[in-house]
Every structure is written in structure tokens, then in C-alpha cells.
Full PDB file with SEQRES, HELIX, SHEET, SSBOND, CRYST1, ORIGX, SCALE, CONECT and MASTER records, all heavy atoms in Angstrom:
SEQRES   1 A   39  ARG GLY ASP SER PRO PRO GLU LYS THR GLN ILE SER LEU          
SEQRES   2 A   39  LYS ILE THR ASP PRO ASP THR GLY ASP ASP VAL GLY SER          
SEQRES   3 A   39  LYS PHE LYS MET ASP VAL LYS MET PRO PRO GLY ASN PRO          
HELIX    1 AA1 GLY A   25  LYS A   27  5                                   3    
CRYST1    1.000    1.000    1.000  90.00  90.00  90.00 P 1           1          
ORIGX1      1.000000  0.000000  0.000000        0.00000                         
ORIGX2      0.000000  1.000000  0.000000        0.00000                         
ORIGX3      0.000000  0.000000  1.000000        0.00000                         
SCALE1      1.000000  0.000000  0.000000        0.00000                         
SCALE2      0.000000  1.000000  0.000000        0.00000                         
SCALE3      0.000000  0.000000  1.000000        0.00000                         
ATOM      1  N   ARG A   1     -36.278 -17.256  -9.942  1.00  0.00           N  
ATOM      2  CA  ARG A   1     -36.777 -15.955 -10.393  1.00  0.00           C  
ATOM      3  C   ARG A   1     -38.159 -15.653  -9.836  1.00  0.00           C  
ATOM      4  O   ARG A   1     -38.835 -14.751 -10.277  1.00  0.00           O  
ATOM      5  CB  ARG A   1     -36.836 -15.932 -11.917  1.00  0.00           C  
ATOM      6  CG  ARG A   1     -35.500 -15.787 -12.564  1.00  0.00           C  
ATOM      7  CD  ARG A   1     -34.879 -14.439 -12.306  1.00  0.00           C  
ATOM      8  NE  ARG A   1     -35.660 -13.357 -12.851  1.00  0.00           N  
ATOM      9  CZ  ARG A   1     -35.608 -12.119 -12.411  1.00  0.00           C  
ATOM     10  NH1 ARG A   1     -34.873 -11.801 -11.387  1.00  0.00           N  
ATOM     11  NH2 ARG A   1     -36.346 -11.180 -12.972  1.00  0.00           N  
ATOM     12  N   GLY A   2     -38.579 -16.402  -8.812  1.00  0.00           N  
ATOM     13  CA  GLY A   2     -39.939 -16.235  -8.315  1.00  0.00           C  
ATOM     14  C   GLY A   2     -40.077 -15.248  -7.185  1.00  0.00           C  
ATOM     15  O   GLY A   2     -41.188 -14.938  -6.771  1.00  0.00           O  
ATOM     16  N   ASP A   3     -38.966 -14.766  -6.611  1.00  0.00           N  
ATOM     17  CA  ASP A   3     -39.043 -13.835  -5.491  1.00  0.00           C  
ATOM     18  C   ASP A   3     -39.689 -12.535  -5.932  1.00  0.00           C  
ATOM     19  O   ASP A   3     -39.282 -11.934  -6.910  1.00  0.00           O  
ATOM     20  CB  ASP A   3     -37.638 -13.547  -4.937  1.00  0.00           C  
ATOM     21  CG  ASP A   3     -36.993 -14.792  -4.370  1.00  0.00           C  
ATOM     22  OD1 ASP A   3     -37.719 -15.729  -4.027  1.00  0.00           O  
ATOM     23  OD2 ASP A   3     -35.767 -14.800  -4.266  1.00  0.00           O  
ATOM     24  N   SER A   4     -40.697 -12.082  -5.178  1.00  0.00           N  
ATOM     25  CA  SER A   4     -41.372 -10.835  -5.533  1.00  0.00           C  
ATOM     26  C   SER A   4     -41.715 -10.067  -4.271  1.00  0.00           C  
ATOM     27  O   SER A   4     -42.612 -10.447  -3.531  1.00  0.00           O  
ATOM     28  CB  SER A   4     -42.641 -11.136  -6.332  1.00  0.00           C  
ATOM     29  OG  SER A   4     -43.257  -9.949  -6.750  1.00  0.00           O  
ATOM     30  N   PRO A   5     -41.043  -8.945  -3.986  1.00  0.00           N  
ATOM     31  CA  PRO A   5     -39.870  -8.474  -4.726  1.00  0.00           C  
ATOM     32  C   PRO A   5     -38.631  -9.265  -4.338  1.00  0.00           C  
ATOM     33  O   PRO A   5     -38.591  -9.839  -3.251  1.00  0.00           O  
ATOM     34  CB  PRO A   5     -39.748  -7.014  -4.268  1.00  0.00           C  
ATOM     35  CG  PRO A   5     -40.306  -7.016  -2.884  1.00  0.00           C  
ATOM     36  CD  PRO A   5     -41.411  -8.036  -2.894  1.00  0.00           C  
ATOM     37  N   PRO A   6     -37.622  -9.330  -5.205  1.00  0.00           N  
ATOM     38  CA  PRO A   6     -36.429 -10.108  -4.875  1.00  0.00           C  
ATOM     39  C   PRO A   6     -35.605  -9.436  -3.785  1.00  0.00           C  
ATOM     40  O   PRO A   6     -35.621  -8.211  -3.647  1.00  0.00           O  
ATOM     41  CB  PRO A   6     -35.651 -10.129  -6.201  1.00  0.00           C  
ATOM     42  CG  PRO A   6     -36.095  -8.896  -6.909  1.00  0.00           C  
ATOM     43  CD  PRO A   6     -37.516  -8.671  -6.516  1.00  0.00           C  
ATOM     44  N   GLU A   7     -34.920 -10.246  -2.985  1.00  0.00           N  
ATOM     45  CA  GLU A   7     -33.991  -9.691  -2.008  1.00  0.00           C  
ATOM     46  C   GLU A   7     -32.787  -9.102  -2.731  1.00  0.00           C  
ATOM     47  O   GLU A   7     -32.317  -9.652  -3.723  1.00  0.00           O  
ATOM     48  CB  GLU A   7     -33.518 -10.781  -1.034  1.00  0.00           C  
ATOM     49  CG  GLU A   7     -34.512 -11.113   0.048  1.00  0.00           C  
ATOM     50  CD  GLU A   7     -33.879 -11.962   1.142  1.00  0.00           C  
ATOM     51  OE1 GLU A   7     -33.301 -13.007   0.798  1.00  0.00           O  
ATOM     52  OE2 GLU A   7     -33.965 -11.579   2.312  1.00  0.00           O  
ATOM     53  N   LYS A   8     -32.273  -8.004  -2.206  1.00  0.00           N  
ATOM     54  CA  LYS A   8     -31.112  -7.347  -2.802  1.00  0.00           C  
ATOM     55  C   LYS A   8     -29.958  -7.413  -1.803  1.00  0.00           C  
ATOM     56  O   LYS A   8     -29.899  -6.616  -0.864  1.00  0.00           O  
ATOM     57  CB  LYS A   8     -31.456  -5.903  -3.167  1.00  0.00           C  
ATOM     58  CG  LYS A   8     -32.377  -5.796  -4.377  1.00  0.00           C  
ATOM     59  CD  LYS A   8     -32.869  -4.398  -4.631  1.00  0.00           C  
ATOM     60  CE  LYS A   8     -34.084  -4.081  -3.827  1.00  0.00           C  
ATOM     61  NZ  LYS A   8     -34.762  -2.842  -4.228  1.00  0.00           N  
ATOM     62  N   THR A   9     -29.056  -8.390  -2.010  1.00  0.00           N  
ATOM     63  CA  THR A   9     -27.942  -8.586  -1.076  1.00  0.00           C  
ATOM     64  C   THR A   9     -26.592  -8.692  -1.775  1.00  0.00           C  
ATOM     65  O   THR A   9     -25.578  -8.941  -1.125  1.00  0.00           O  
ATOM     66  CB  THR A   9     -28.163  -9.864  -0.235  1.00  0.00           C  
ATOM     67  OG1 THR A   9     -28.232 -11.003  -1.099  1.00  0.00           O  
ATOM     68  CG2 THR A   9     -29.439  -9.776   0.590  1.00  0.00           C  
ATOM     69  N   GLN A  10     -26.550  -8.519  -3.119  1.00  0.00           N  
ATOM     70  CA  GLN A  10     -25.293  -8.572  -3.851  1.00  0.00           C  
ATOM     71  C   GLN A  10     -24.615  -7.202  -3.784  1.00  0.00           C  
ATOM     72  O   GLN A  10     -25.051  -6.247  -4.423  1.00  0.00           O  
ATOM     73  CB  GLN A  10     -25.533  -8.976  -5.302  1.00  0.00           C  
ATOM     74  CG  GLN A  10     -26.217 -10.318  -5.471  1.00  0.00           C  
ATOM     75  CD  GLN A  10     -25.340 -11.470  -5.017  1.00  0.00           C  
ATOM     76  OE1 GLN A  10     -24.155 -11.505  -5.338  1.00  0.00           O  
ATOM     77  NE2 GLN A  10     -25.909 -12.400  -4.271  1.00  0.00           N  
ATOM     78  N   ILE A  11     -23.554  -7.106  -2.989  1.00  0.00           N  
ATOM     79  CA  ILE A  11     -22.959  -5.814  -2.650  1.00  0.00           C  
ATOM     80  C   ILE A  11     -21.898  -5.379  -3.667  1.00  0.00           C  
ATOM     81  O   ILE A  11     -21.059  -6.179  -4.081  1.00  0.00           O  
ATOM     82  CB  ILE A  11     -22.314  -5.878  -1.249  1.00  0.00           C  
ATOM     83  CG1 ILE A  11     -23.394  -6.127  -0.187  1.00  0.00           C  
ATOM     84  CG2 ILE A  11     -21.542  -4.608  -0.932  1.00  0.00           C  
ATOM     85  CD1 ILE A  11     -22.822  -6.376   1.198  1.00  0.00           C  
ATOM     86  N   SER A  12     -21.975  -4.092  -4.052  1.00  0.00           N  
ATOM     87  CA  SER A  12     -20.905  -3.442  -4.817  1.00  0.00           C  
ATOM     88  C   SER A  12     -20.570  -2.138  -4.100  1.00  0.00           C  
ATOM     89  O   SER A  12     -21.469  -1.452  -3.601  1.00  0.00           O  
ATOM     90  CB  SER A  12     -21.333  -3.150  -6.248  1.00  0.00           C  
ATOM     91  OG  SER A  12     -21.628  -4.338  -6.947  1.00  0.00           O  
ATOM     92  N   LEU A  13     -19.281  -1.791  -4.070  1.00  0.00           N  
ATOM     93  CA  LEU A  13     -18.875  -0.613  -3.305  1.00  0.00           C  
ATOM     94  C   LEU A  13     -17.674   0.050  -3.966  1.00  0.00           C  
ATOM     95  O   LEU A  13     -16.735  -0.619  -4.394  1.00  0.00           O  
ATOM     96  CB  LEU A  13     -18.515  -1.013  -1.873  1.00  0.00           C  
ATOM     97  CG  LEU A  13     -18.067   0.107  -0.932  1.00  0.00           C  
ATOM     98  CD1 LEU A  13     -19.193   1.106  -0.700  1.00  0.00           C  
ATOM     99  CD2 LEU A  13     -17.577  -0.476   0.392  1.00  0.00           C  
ATOM    100  N   LYS A  14     -17.749   1.377  -4.040  1.00  0.00           N  
ATOM    101  CA  LYS A  14     -16.632   2.164  -4.555  1.00  0.00           C  
ATOM    102  C   LYS A  14     -16.430   3.362  -3.647  1.00  0.00           C  
ATOM    103  O   LYS A  14     -17.376   4.109  -3.377  1.00  0.00           O  
ATOM    104  CB  LYS A  14     -16.905   2.620  -5.996  1.00  0.00           C  
ATOM    105  CG  LYS A  14     -15.734   3.337  -6.657  1.00  0.00           C  
ATOM    106  CD  LYS A  14     -16.086   3.692  -8.102  1.00  0.00           C  
ATOM    107  CE  LYS A  14     -14.921   4.382  -8.808  1.00  0.00           C  
ATOM    108  NZ  LYS A  14     -15.281   4.733 -10.208  1.00  0.00           N  
ATOM    109  N   ILE A  15     -15.198   3.544  -3.149  1.00  0.00           N  
ATOM    110  CA  ILE A  15     -14.857   4.684  -2.291  1.00  0.00           C  
ATOM    111  C   ILE A  15     -13.762   5.472  -2.999  1.00  0.00           C  
ATOM    112  O   ILE A  15     -12.712   4.920  -3.344  1.00  0.00           O  
ATOM    113  CB  ILE A  15     -14.366   4.222  -0.912  1.00  0.00           C  
ATOM    114  CG1 ILE A  15     -15.391   3.269  -0.270  1.00  0.00           C  
ATOM    115  CG2 ILE A  15     -14.125   5.415   0.011  1.00  0.00           C  
ATOM    116  CD1 ILE A  15     -14.900   2.618   1.007  1.00  0.00           C  
ATOM    117  N   THR A  16     -14.022   6.751  -3.227  1.00  0.00           N  
ATOM    118  CA  THR A  16     -13.060   7.561  -3.984  1.00  0.00           C  
ATOM    119  C   THR A  16     -12.714   8.851  -3.245  1.00  0.00           C  
ATOM    120  O   THR A  16     -13.465   9.315  -2.382  1.00  0.00           O  
ATOM    121  CB  THR A  16     -13.619   7.921  -5.382  1.00  0.00           C  
ATOM    122  OG1 THR A  16     -14.870   8.598  -5.223  1.00  0.00           O  
ATOM    123  CG2 THR A  16     -13.811   6.686  -6.230  1.00  0.00           C  
ATOM    124  N   ASP A  17     -11.583   9.412  -3.624  1.00  0.00           N  
ATOM    125  CA  ASP A  17     -11.160  10.723  -3.131  1.00  0.00           C  
ATOM    126  C   ASP A  17     -11.895  11.792  -3.937  1.00  0.00           C  
ATOM    127  O   ASP A  17     -11.803  11.818  -5.168  1.00  0.00           O  
ATOM    128  CB  ASP A  17      -9.644  10.862  -3.312  1.00  0.00           C  
ATOM    129  CG  ASP A  17      -9.098  12.154  -2.729  1.00  0.00           C  
ATOM    130  OD1 ASP A  17      -9.675  13.220  -3.007  1.00  0.00           O  
ATOM    131  OD2 ASP A  17      -8.086  12.095  -2.002  1.00  0.00           O  
ATOM    132  N   PRO A  18     -12.657  12.705  -3.293  1.00  0.00           N  
ATOM    133  CA  PRO A  18     -13.430  13.710  -4.036  1.00  0.00           C  
ATOM    134  C   PRO A  18     -12.566  14.637  -4.878  1.00  0.00           C  
ATOM    135  O   PRO A  18     -13.036  15.138  -5.910  1.00  0.00           O  
ATOM    136  CB  PRO A  18     -14.148  14.501  -2.929  1.00  0.00           C  
ATOM    137  CG  PRO A  18     -14.119  13.623  -1.726  1.00  0.00           C  
ATOM    138  CD  PRO A  18     -12.863  12.809  -1.838  1.00  0.00           C  
ATOM    139  N   ASP A  19     -11.327  14.879  -4.480  1.00  0.00           N  
ATOM    140  CA  ASP A  19     -10.465  15.817  -5.198  1.00  0.00           C  
ATOM    141  C   ASP A  19      -9.815  15.193  -6.426  1.00  0.00           C  
ATOM    142  O   ASP A  19      -9.749  15.807  -7.487  1.00  0.00           O  
ATOM    143  CB  ASP A  19      -9.388  16.363  -4.258  1.00  0.00           C  
ATOM    144  CG  ASP A  19      -9.979  17.163  -3.107  1.00  0.00           C  
ATOM    145  OD1 ASP A  19     -10.992  17.846  -3.333  1.00  0.00           O  
ATOM    146  OD2 ASP A  19      -9.436  17.081  -1.986  1.00  0.00           O  
ATOM    147  N   THR A  20      -9.329  13.962  -6.279  1.00  0.00           N  
ATOM    148  CA  THR A  20      -8.591  13.327  -7.370  1.00  0.00           C  
ATOM    149  C   THR A  20      -9.417  12.309  -8.146  1.00  0.00           C  
ATOM    150  O   THR A  20      -9.079  11.965  -9.280  1.00  0.00           O  
ATOM    151  CB  THR A  20      -7.341  12.621  -6.820  1.00  0.00           C  
ATOM    152  OG1 THR A  20      -7.741  11.552  -5.950  1.00  0.00           O  
ATOM    153  CG2 THR A  20      -6.474  13.601  -6.035  1.00  0.00           C  
ATOM    154  N   GLY A  21     -10.478  11.797  -7.533  1.00  0.00           N  
ATOM    155  CA  GLY A  21     -11.264  10.741  -8.155  1.00  0.00           C  
ATOM    156  C   GLY A  21     -10.635   9.373  -8.033  1.00  0.00           C  
ATOM    157  O   GLY A  21     -11.166   8.387  -8.573  1.00  0.00           O  
ATOM    158  N   ASP A  22      -9.501   9.255  -7.324  1.00  0.00           N  
ATOM    159  CA  ASP A  22      -8.815   7.968  -7.178  1.00  0.00           C  
ATOM    160  C   ASP A  22      -9.601   7.032  -6.270  1.00  0.00           C  
ATOM    161  O   ASP A  22     -10.195   7.458  -5.268  1.00  0.00           O  
ATOM    162  CB  ASP A  22      -7.414   8.174  -6.592  1.00  0.00           C  
ATOM    163  CG  ASP A  22      -6.507   8.936  -7.538  1.00  0.00           C  
ATOM    164  OD1 ASP A  22      -6.797   8.935  -8.754  1.00  0.00           O  
ATOM    165  OD2 ASP A  22      -5.516   9.537  -7.063  1.00  0.00           O  
ATOM    166  N   ASP A  23      -9.576   5.749  -6.622  1.00  0.00           N  
ATOM    167  CA  ASP A  23     -10.204   4.721  -5.781  1.00  0.00           C  
ATOM    168  C   ASP A  23      -9.332   4.497  -4.548  1.00  0.00           C  
ATOM    169  O   ASP A  23      -8.146   4.197  -4.659  1.00  0.00           O  
ATOM    170  CB  ASP A  23     -10.349   3.424  -6.578  1.00  0.00           C  
ATOM    171  CG  ASP A  23     -11.253   2.416  -5.882  1.00  0.00           C  
ATOM    172  OD1 ASP A  23     -11.187   2.306  -4.646  1.00  0.00           O  
ATOM    173  OD2 ASP A  23     -12.018   1.736  -6.589  1.00  0.00           O  
ATOM    174  N   VAL A  24      -9.927   4.651  -3.360  1.00  0.00           N  
ATOM    175  CA  VAL A  24      -9.170   4.500  -2.111  1.00  0.00           C  
ATOM    176  C   VAL A  24      -9.762   3.388  -1.250  1.00  0.00           C  
ATOM    177  O   VAL A  24      -9.617   3.386  -0.033  1.00  0.00           O  
ATOM    178  CB  VAL A  24      -9.138   5.839  -1.327  1.00  0.00           C  
ATOM    179  CG1 VAL A  24      -8.330   6.880  -2.073  1.00  0.00           C  
ATOM    180  CG2 VAL A  24     -10.555   6.348  -1.062  1.00  0.00           C  
ATOM    181  N   GLY A  25     -10.436   2.439  -1.882  1.00  0.00           N  
ATOM    182  CA  GLY A  25     -11.058   1.349  -1.142  1.00  0.00           C  
ATOM    183  C   GLY A  25     -10.077   0.515  -0.350  1.00  0.00           C  
ATOM    184  O   GLY A  25     -10.437  -0.075   0.676  1.00  0.00           O  
ATOM    185  N   SER A  26      -8.802   0.465  -0.795  1.00  0.00           N  
ATOM    186  CA  SER A  26      -7.802  -0.339  -0.092  1.00  0.00           C  
ATOM    187  C   SER A  26      -7.505   0.198   1.311  1.00  0.00           C  
ATOM    188  O   SER A  26      -6.928  -0.512   2.135  1.00  0.00           O  
ATOM    189  CB  SER A  26      -6.507  -0.389  -0.903  1.00  0.00           C  
ATOM    190  OG  SER A  26      -6.005   0.920  -1.127  1.00  0.00           O  
ATOM    191  N   LYS A  27      -7.920   1.432   1.594  1.00  0.00           N  
ATOM    192  CA  LYS A  27      -7.678   2.017   2.918  1.00  0.00           C  
ATOM    193  C   LYS A  27      -8.722   1.593   3.945  1.00  0.00           C  
ATOM    194  O   LYS A  27      -8.595   1.906   5.126  1.00  0.00           O  
ATOM    195  CB  LYS A  27      -7.684   3.547   2.824  1.00  0.00           C  
ATOM    196  CG  LYS A  27      -6.584   4.139   1.951  1.00  0.00           C  
ATOM    197  CD  LYS A  27      -6.677   5.659   1.942  1.00  0.00           C  
ATOM    198  CE  LYS A  27      -5.572   6.267   1.088  1.00  0.00           C  
ATOM    199  NZ  LYS A  27      -5.644   7.758   1.079  1.00  0.00           N  
ATOM    200  N   PHE A  28      -9.768   0.881   3.482  1.00  0.00           N  
ATOM    201  CA  PHE A  28     -10.895   0.585   4.359  1.00  0.00           C  
ATOM    202  C   PHE A  28     -11.112  -0.915   4.509  1.00  0.00           C  
ATOM    203  O   PHE A  28     -10.774  -1.713   3.632  1.00  0.00           O  
ATOM    204  CB  PHE A  28     -12.179   1.213   3.808  1.00  0.00           C  
ATOM    205  CG  PHE A  28     -12.218   2.709   3.910  1.00  0.00           C  
ATOM    206  CD1 PHE A  28     -11.637   3.502   2.932  1.00  0.00           C  
ATOM    207  CD2 PHE A  28     -12.830   3.328   4.984  1.00  0.00           C  
ATOM    208  CE1 PHE A  28     -11.666   4.879   3.018  1.00  0.00           C  
ATOM    209  CE2 PHE A  28     -12.868   4.704   5.081  1.00  0.00           C  
ATOM    210  CZ  PHE A  28     -12.287   5.492   4.105  1.00  0.00           C  
ATOM    211  N   LYS A  29     -11.693  -1.275   5.645  1.00  0.00           N  
ATOM    212  CA  LYS A  29     -12.264  -2.600   5.841  1.00  0.00           C  
ATOM    213  C   LYS A  29     -13.737  -2.406   6.185  1.00  0.00           C  
ATOM    214  O   LYS A  29     -14.187  -1.283   6.460  1.00  0.00           O  
ATOM    215  CB  LYS A  29     -11.536  -3.373   6.931  1.00  0.00           C  
ATOM    216  CG  LYS A  29     -11.580  -2.744   8.308  1.00  0.00           C  
ATOM    217  CD  LYS A  29     -10.800  -3.599   9.296  1.00  0.00           C  
ATOM    218  CE  LYS A  29     -10.815  -2.966  10.698  1.00  0.00           C  
ATOM    219  NZ  LYS A  29     -10.092  -3.825  11.679  1.00  0.00           N  
ATOM    220  N   MET A  30     -14.491  -3.486   6.197  1.00  0.00           N  
ATOM    221  CA  MET A  30     -15.939  -3.339   6.283  1.00  0.00           C  
ATOM    222  C   MET A  30     -16.556  -4.460   7.118  1.00  0.00           C  
ATOM    223  O   MET A  30     -16.162  -5.625   7.009  1.00  0.00           O  
ATOM    224  CB  MET A  30     -16.520  -3.351   4.859  1.00  0.00           C  
ATOM    225  CG  MET A  30     -18.020  -3.287   4.763  1.00  0.00           C  
ATOM    226  SD  MET A  30     -18.583  -3.089   3.034  1.00  0.00           S  
ATOM    227  CE  MET A  30     -18.111  -4.682   2.333  1.00  0.00           C  
ATOM    228  N   ASP A  31     -17.512  -4.101   7.957  1.00  0.00           N  
ATOM    229  CA  ASP A  31     -18.365  -5.065   8.634  1.00  0.00           C  
ATOM    230  C   ASP A  31     -19.742  -5.003   7.998  1.00  0.00           C  
ATOM    231  O   ASP A  31     -20.292  -3.904   7.775  1.00  0.00           O  
ATOM    232  CB  ASP A  31     -18.480  -4.748  10.128  1.00  0.00           C  
ATOM    233  CG  ASP A  31     -17.256  -5.206  10.909  1.00  0.00           C  
ATOM    234  OD1 ASP A  31     -16.494  -6.026  10.360  1.00  0.00           O  
ATOM    235  OD2 ASP A  31     -17.052  -4.737  12.038  1.00  0.00           O  
ATOM    236  N   VAL A  32     -20.298  -6.160   7.668  1.00  0.00           N  
ATOM    237  CA  VAL A  32     -21.587  -6.237   6.988  1.00  0.00           C  
ATOM    238  C   VAL A  32     -22.561  -7.035   7.844  1.00  0.00           C  
ATOM    239  O   VAL A  32     -22.240  -8.139   8.300  1.00  0.00           O  
ATOM    240  CB  VAL A  32     -21.460  -6.922   5.606  1.00  0.00           C  
ATOM    241  CG1 VAL A  32     -22.800  -6.914   4.886  1.00  0.00           C  
ATOM    242  CG2 VAL A  32     -20.394  -6.256   4.771  1.00  0.00           C  
ATOM    243  N   LYS A  33     -23.724  -6.483   8.061  1.00  0.00           N  
ATOM    244  CA  LYS A  33     -24.797  -7.228   8.726  1.00  0.00           C  
ATOM    245  C   LYS A  33     -25.815  -7.616   7.665  1.00  0.00           C  
ATOM    246  O   LYS A  33     -26.511  -6.762   7.108  1.00  0.00           O  
ATOM    247  CB  LYS A  33     -25.449  -6.397   9.819  1.00  0.00           C  
ATOM    248  CG  LYS A  33     -26.405  -7.219  10.675  1.00  0.00           C  
ATOM    249  CD  LYS A  33     -26.737  -6.530  11.987  1.00  0.00           C  
ATOM    250  CE  LYS A  33     -27.557  -7.467  12.860  1.00  0.00           C  
ATOM    251  NZ  LYS A  33     -27.875  -6.860  14.169  1.00  0.00           N  
ATOM    252  N   MET A  34     -25.879  -8.912   7.372  1.00  0.00           N  
ATOM    253  CA  MET A  34     -26.757  -9.401   6.318  1.00  0.00           C  
ATOM    254  C   MET A  34     -28.169  -9.622   6.861  1.00  0.00           C  
ATOM    255  O   MET A  34     -28.353  -9.882   8.051  1.00  0.00           O  
ATOM    256  CB  MET A  34     -26.214 -10.707   5.744  1.00  0.00           C  
ATOM    257  CG  MET A  34     -24.823 -10.606   5.154  1.00  0.00           C  
ATOM    258  SD  MET A  34     -24.758  -9.557   3.685  1.00  0.00           S  
ATOM    259  CE  MET A  34     -25.625 -10.584   2.488  1.00  0.00           C  
ATOM    260  N   PRO A  35     -29.191  -9.541   5.996  1.00  0.00           N  
ATOM    261  CA  PRO A  35     -30.559  -9.879   6.416  1.00  0.00           C  
ATOM    262  C   PRO A  35     -30.621 -11.339   6.860  1.00  0.00           C  
ATOM    263  O   PRO A  35     -29.798 -12.162   6.437  1.00  0.00           O  
ATOM    264  CB  PRO A  35     -31.388  -9.662   5.148  1.00  0.00           C  
ATOM    265  CG  PRO A  35     -30.569  -8.750   4.299  1.00  0.00           C  
ATOM    266  CD  PRO A  35     -29.143  -9.074   4.598  1.00  0.00           C  
ATOM    267  N   PRO A  36     -31.564 -11.694   7.747  1.00  0.00           N  
ATOM    268  CA  PRO A  36     -31.669 -13.080   8.237  1.00  0.00           C  
ATOM    269  C   PRO A  36     -31.743 -14.087   7.098  1.00  0.00           C  
ATOM    270  O   PRO A  36     -32.422 -13.869   6.096  1.00  0.00           O  
ATOM    271  CB  PRO A  36     -32.972 -13.057   9.045  1.00  0.00           C  
ATOM    272  CG  PRO A  36     -33.154 -11.636   9.452  1.00  0.00           C  
ATOM    273  CD  PRO A  36     -32.594 -10.816   8.334  1.00  0.00           C  
ATOM    274  N   GLY A  37     -31.002 -15.183   7.279  1.00  0.00           N  
ATOM    275  CA  GLY A  37     -31.028 -16.263   6.298  1.00  0.00           C  
ATOM    276  C   GLY A  37     -30.036 -16.118   5.168  1.00  0.00           C  
ATOM    277  O   GLY A  37     -29.970 -16.994   4.300  1.00  0.00           O  
ATOM    278  N   ASN A  38     -29.250 -15.037   5.154  1.00  0.00           N  
ATOM    279  CA  ASN A  38     -28.271 -14.824   4.086  1.00  0.00           C  
ATOM    280  C   ASN A  38     -26.856 -15.033   4.610  1.00  0.00           C  
ATOM    281  O   ASN A  38     -26.513 -14.522   5.685  1.00  0.00           O  
ATOM    282  CB  ASN A  38     -28.394 -13.411   3.512  1.00  0.00           C  
ATOM    283  CG  ASN A  38     -29.631 -13.236   2.655  1.00  0.00           C  
ATOM    284  OD1 ASN A  38     -29.639 -13.562   1.480  1.00  0.00           O  
ATOM    285  ND2 ASN A  38     -30.697 -12.736   3.262  1.00  0.00           N  
ATOM    286  N   PRO A  39     -26.006 -15.776   3.879  1.00  0.00           N  
ATOM    287  CA  PRO A  39     -24.629 -16.000   4.313  1.00  0.00           C  
ATOM    288  C   PRO A  39     -23.777 -14.757   4.116  1.00  0.00           C  
ATOM    289  O   PRO A  39     -24.190 -13.791   3.465  1.00  0.00           O  
ATOM    290  CB  PRO A  39     -24.158 -17.138   3.394  1.00  0.00           C  
ATOM    291  CG  PRO A  39     -24.958 -16.941   2.137  1.00  0.00           C  
ATOM    292  CD  PRO A  39     -26.299 -16.435   2.588  1.00  0.00           C  
TER     293      PRO A  39                                                      
MASTER        0    0    0    1    0    0    0    6  292    1    0    3          
END                                                                             
């Protein structure tokens, strides 16, 4: 708990259809570039 400010790398993501509000995340894949030193 000593990081000041702490690194923010815990990802949450929601992709929805604007008309229906349905979650459509299953239609997508993702490439992530993490900050140095993070797996």
C-alpha cells in the first residue's frame, strides 16, 4: 500500500449496443500494451 500514487493496471471493460443496451463484448478481442514492468 506504499505506492504513491499507485499504478492503475487492473482493467475492466464493458462494450454495449447504444440502442438496446445489450453487452456485445463477445464480438471483440483486445490487444493491451501494459506499462513497463507489468505482466
